[in-house]
N, C-alpha and C. Protein backbone atom coordinates (compact mmCIF):
# COMPACT_ATOMS: atom_id res chain seq x y z
N MET A 1 -11.17 0.41 22.89
CA MET A 1 -9.86 -0.15 23.11
C MET A 1 -9.91 -1.68 23.09
N VAL A 2 -10.91 -2.27 23.75
CA VAL A 2 -11.02 -3.73 23.74
C VAL A 2 -11.24 -4.22 22.32
N ASN A 3 -12.11 -3.54 21.55
CA ASN A 3 -12.40 -3.97 20.19
C ASN A 3 -11.15 -3.94 19.33
N LYS A 4 -10.35 -2.90 19.43
CA LYS A 4 -9.10 -2.80 18.66
C LYS A 4 -8.19 -3.98 18.98
N ASN A 5 -8.07 -4.30 20.26
CA ASN A 5 -7.20 -5.40 20.68
C ASN A 5 -7.79 -6.75 20.29
N THR A 6 -9.10 -6.87 20.29
CA THR A 6 -9.76 -8.11 19.88
C THR A 6 -9.49 -8.38 18.41
N ILE A 7 -9.66 -7.38 17.57
CA ILE A 7 -9.41 -7.52 16.14
C ILE A 7 -7.93 -7.81 15.88
N ALA A 8 -7.05 -7.19 16.66
CA ALA A 8 -5.60 -7.38 16.47
C ALA A 8 -5.17 -8.83 16.67
N ILE A 9 -5.89 -9.59 17.50
CA ILE A 9 -5.51 -10.99 17.70
C ILE A 9 -6.33 -11.94 16.83
N GLY A 10 -7.06 -11.37 15.85
CA GLY A 10 -7.74 -12.18 14.86
C GLY A 10 -9.15 -12.63 15.22
N LEU A 11 -9.75 -12.00 16.22
CA LEU A 11 -11.11 -12.35 16.60
C LEU A 11 -12.10 -11.38 15.96
N PRO A 12 -13.38 -11.76 15.87
CA PRO A 12 -14.37 -10.90 15.22
C PRO A 12 -14.54 -9.55 15.92
N GLU A 13 -14.95 -8.57 15.13
CA GLU A 13 -15.23 -7.24 15.67
C GLU A 13 -16.28 -7.33 16.77
N MET A 14 -16.09 -6.55 17.81
CA MET A 14 -17.06 -6.46 18.90
C MET A 14 -17.83 -5.15 18.74
N LYS A 15 -19.14 -5.26 18.61
CA LYS A 15 -19.97 -4.06 18.52
C LYS A 15 -20.50 -3.75 19.92
N VAL A 16 -20.46 -2.48 20.29
CA VAL A 16 -20.85 -2.06 21.64
C VAL A 16 -22.07 -1.15 21.54
N TYR A 17 -23.10 -1.46 22.33
CA TYR A 17 -24.33 -0.68 22.35
C TYR A 17 -24.63 -0.23 23.77
N ARG A 18 -25.18 0.96 23.90
CA ARG A 18 -25.68 1.46 25.18
C ARG A 18 -27.19 1.24 25.18
N LYS A 19 -27.71 0.65 26.24
CA LYS A 19 -29.16 0.41 26.30
C LYS A 19 -29.90 1.74 26.43
N PHE A 20 -30.96 1.87 25.67
CA PHE A 20 -31.78 3.07 25.71
C PHE A 20 -32.80 2.98 26.85
N LEU A 21 -33.36 1.80 27.06
CA LEU A 21 -34.30 1.55 28.15
C LEU A 21 -33.75 0.42 29.00
N GLY A 22 -34.17 0.37 30.25
CA GLY A 22 -33.73 -0.71 31.12
C GLY A 22 -32.78 -0.21 32.19
N PRO A 23 -32.07 -1.13 32.83
CA PRO A 23 -31.18 -0.75 33.93
C PRO A 23 -30.13 0.28 33.51
N HIS A 24 -29.89 1.23 34.39
CA HIS A 24 -28.92 2.30 34.16
C HIS A 24 -27.52 1.71 34.02
N GLY A 25 -26.75 2.23 33.08
CA GLY A 25 -25.36 1.84 32.94
C GLY A 25 -25.13 0.49 32.27
N THR A 26 -26.14 -0.04 31.58
CA THR A 26 -25.99 -1.34 30.93
C THR A 26 -25.38 -1.16 29.55
N VAL A 27 -24.40 -1.98 29.24
CA VAL A 27 -23.76 -1.99 27.93
C VAL A 27 -23.95 -3.39 27.34
N VAL A 28 -24.30 -3.46 26.07
CA VAL A 28 -24.48 -4.73 25.38
C VAL A 28 -23.43 -4.81 24.28
N THR A 29 -22.74 -5.95 24.21
CA THR A 29 -21.77 -6.16 23.14
C THR A 29 -22.19 -7.37 22.33
N THR A 30 -21.88 -7.34 21.03
CA THR A 30 -22.16 -8.49 20.17
C THR A 30 -20.93 -8.80 19.34
N GLN A 31 -20.76 -10.08 19.04
CA GLN A 31 -19.72 -10.55 18.12
C GLN A 31 -20.34 -11.66 17.29
N GLU A 32 -20.02 -11.68 16.00
CA GLU A 32 -20.50 -12.75 15.12
C GLU A 32 -19.38 -13.76 14.91
N TRP A 33 -19.67 -15.02 15.21
CA TRP A 33 -18.70 -16.10 15.13
C TRP A 33 -19.09 -17.07 14.03
N GLU A 34 -18.10 -17.70 13.40
CA GLU A 34 -18.36 -18.70 12.37
C GLU A 34 -18.98 -19.96 12.97
N SER A 35 -18.62 -20.27 14.23
CA SER A 35 -19.17 -21.46 14.88
C SER A 35 -19.04 -21.31 16.39
N ILE A 36 -19.80 -22.12 17.11
CA ILE A 36 -19.68 -22.13 18.57
C ILE A 36 -18.30 -22.64 18.97
N GLU A 37 -17.76 -23.57 18.21
CA GLU A 37 -16.41 -24.09 18.48
C GLU A 37 -15.38 -22.96 18.43
N ASN A 38 -15.47 -22.09 17.43
CA ASN A 38 -14.54 -20.95 17.34
C ASN A 38 -14.69 -20.03 18.54
N TYR A 39 -15.93 -19.79 18.96
CA TYR A 39 -16.16 -18.96 20.15
C TYR A 39 -15.51 -19.61 21.37
N ASN A 40 -15.80 -20.88 21.60
CA ASN A 40 -15.24 -21.58 22.77
C ASN A 40 -13.71 -21.55 22.76
N ASN A 41 -13.10 -21.76 21.61
CA ASN A 41 -11.64 -21.72 21.51
C ASN A 41 -11.09 -20.33 21.80
N SER A 42 -11.86 -19.30 21.50
CA SER A 42 -11.39 -17.93 21.69
C SER A 42 -11.25 -17.55 23.16
N ARG A 43 -11.97 -18.20 24.05
CA ARG A 43 -11.94 -17.83 25.46
C ARG A 43 -10.54 -17.94 26.05
N ASP A 44 -9.82 -19.00 25.74
CA ASP A 44 -8.44 -19.14 26.23
C ASP A 44 -7.53 -18.08 25.63
N ILE A 45 -7.73 -17.77 24.35
CA ILE A 45 -6.91 -16.75 23.69
C ILE A 45 -7.12 -15.40 24.37
N VAL A 46 -8.37 -15.05 24.63
CA VAL A 46 -8.68 -13.77 25.27
C VAL A 46 -8.05 -13.70 26.66
N ARG A 47 -8.18 -14.77 27.43
CA ARG A 47 -7.63 -14.78 28.80
C ARG A 47 -6.11 -14.69 28.83
N GLN A 48 -5.45 -15.05 27.73
CA GLN A 48 -3.99 -15.01 27.66
C GLN A 48 -3.47 -13.73 27.01
N THR A 49 -4.36 -12.82 26.63
CA THR A 49 -3.97 -11.59 25.95
C THR A 49 -4.00 -10.43 26.94
N LYS A 50 -2.83 -10.03 27.41
CA LYS A 50 -2.70 -9.00 28.45
C LYS A 50 -3.34 -7.68 28.01
N GLU A 51 -3.28 -7.35 26.72
CA GLU A 51 -3.86 -6.10 26.23
C GLU A 51 -5.37 -6.06 26.45
N ILE A 52 -6.00 -7.23 26.52
CA ILE A 52 -7.44 -7.30 26.78
C ILE A 52 -7.71 -7.45 28.27
N THR A 53 -7.03 -8.39 28.92
CA THR A 53 -7.30 -8.63 30.35
C THR A 53 -6.97 -7.42 31.21
N SER A 54 -6.00 -6.62 30.80
CA SER A 54 -5.66 -5.43 31.60
C SER A 54 -6.81 -4.42 31.59
N ILE A 55 -7.57 -4.37 30.51
CA ILE A 55 -8.75 -3.49 30.44
C ILE A 55 -9.85 -4.04 31.35
N PHE A 56 -10.08 -5.36 31.28
CA PHE A 56 -11.09 -5.98 32.14
C PHE A 56 -10.77 -5.78 33.61
N GLU A 57 -9.50 -5.86 33.98
CA GLU A 57 -9.09 -5.68 35.38
C GLU A 57 -9.45 -4.29 35.90
N LYS A 58 -9.49 -3.31 35.02
CA LYS A 58 -9.88 -1.95 35.42
C LYS A 58 -11.40 -1.79 35.50
N ILE A 59 -12.11 -2.50 34.64
CA ILE A 59 -13.56 -2.34 34.54
C ILE A 59 -14.30 -3.16 35.60
N TYR A 60 -13.95 -4.43 35.76
CA TYR A 60 -14.72 -5.35 36.60
C TYR A 60 -14.93 -4.87 38.04
N PRO A 61 -13.94 -4.27 38.71
CA PRO A 61 -14.18 -3.82 40.09
C PRO A 61 -15.26 -2.74 40.20
N LEU A 62 -15.58 -2.06 39.11
CA LEU A 62 -16.57 -0.99 39.12
C LEU A 62 -17.99 -1.49 38.89
N LEU A 63 -18.13 -2.73 38.49
CA LEU A 63 -19.42 -3.25 38.06
C LEU A 63 -20.19 -3.95 39.17
N ASP A 64 -21.51 -3.79 39.14
CA ASP A 64 -22.39 -4.53 40.04
C ASP A 64 -22.45 -5.99 39.58
N ASN A 65 -22.57 -6.19 38.28
CA ASN A 65 -22.55 -7.51 37.64
C ASN A 65 -21.59 -7.42 36.46
N THR A 66 -20.89 -8.52 36.17
CA THR A 66 -19.96 -8.46 35.05
C THR A 66 -20.67 -8.69 33.73
N HIS A 67 -21.12 -9.90 33.45
CA HIS A 67 -21.71 -10.13 32.14
C HIS A 67 -22.61 -11.36 32.14
N ILE A 68 -23.45 -11.39 31.13
CA ILE A 68 -24.29 -12.55 30.85
C ILE A 68 -23.98 -12.92 29.40
N THR A 69 -23.61 -14.16 29.16
CA THR A 69 -23.32 -14.60 27.80
C THR A 69 -24.55 -15.30 27.24
N GLU A 70 -25.00 -14.82 26.08
CA GLU A 70 -26.10 -15.47 25.37
C GLU A 70 -25.59 -15.82 23.98
N ILE A 71 -25.85 -17.04 23.54
CA ILE A 71 -25.44 -17.46 22.21
C ILE A 71 -26.70 -17.59 21.37
N LEU A 72 -26.77 -16.80 20.31
CA LEU A 72 -27.92 -16.80 19.41
C LEU A 72 -27.52 -17.44 18.10
N GLU A 73 -28.41 -18.24 17.54
CA GLU A 73 -28.14 -18.91 16.28
C GLU A 73 -29.13 -18.41 15.24
N SER A 74 -28.63 -18.05 14.06
CA SER A 74 -29.54 -17.57 13.02
C SER A 74 -30.32 -18.74 12.44
N ALA A 75 -31.54 -18.45 12.03
CA ALA A 75 -32.43 -19.50 11.50
C ALA A 75 -32.14 -19.76 10.05
């Protein structure tokens, strides 16, 4: 649902993975961005999109930790 809404507002597809090993219940998501500037600009757009924030409001209270953001750059 989040991915559909993310694409609908013009942001890159979000891929969702379930960890095979490691802490129970961990989900990893990835998105490919054209630049770090585009990623940074997207944060305000996401926070202003009720279709996305309403999903986060349901998920976050259930989590021990919310998220860790890592930015990887291709060589």
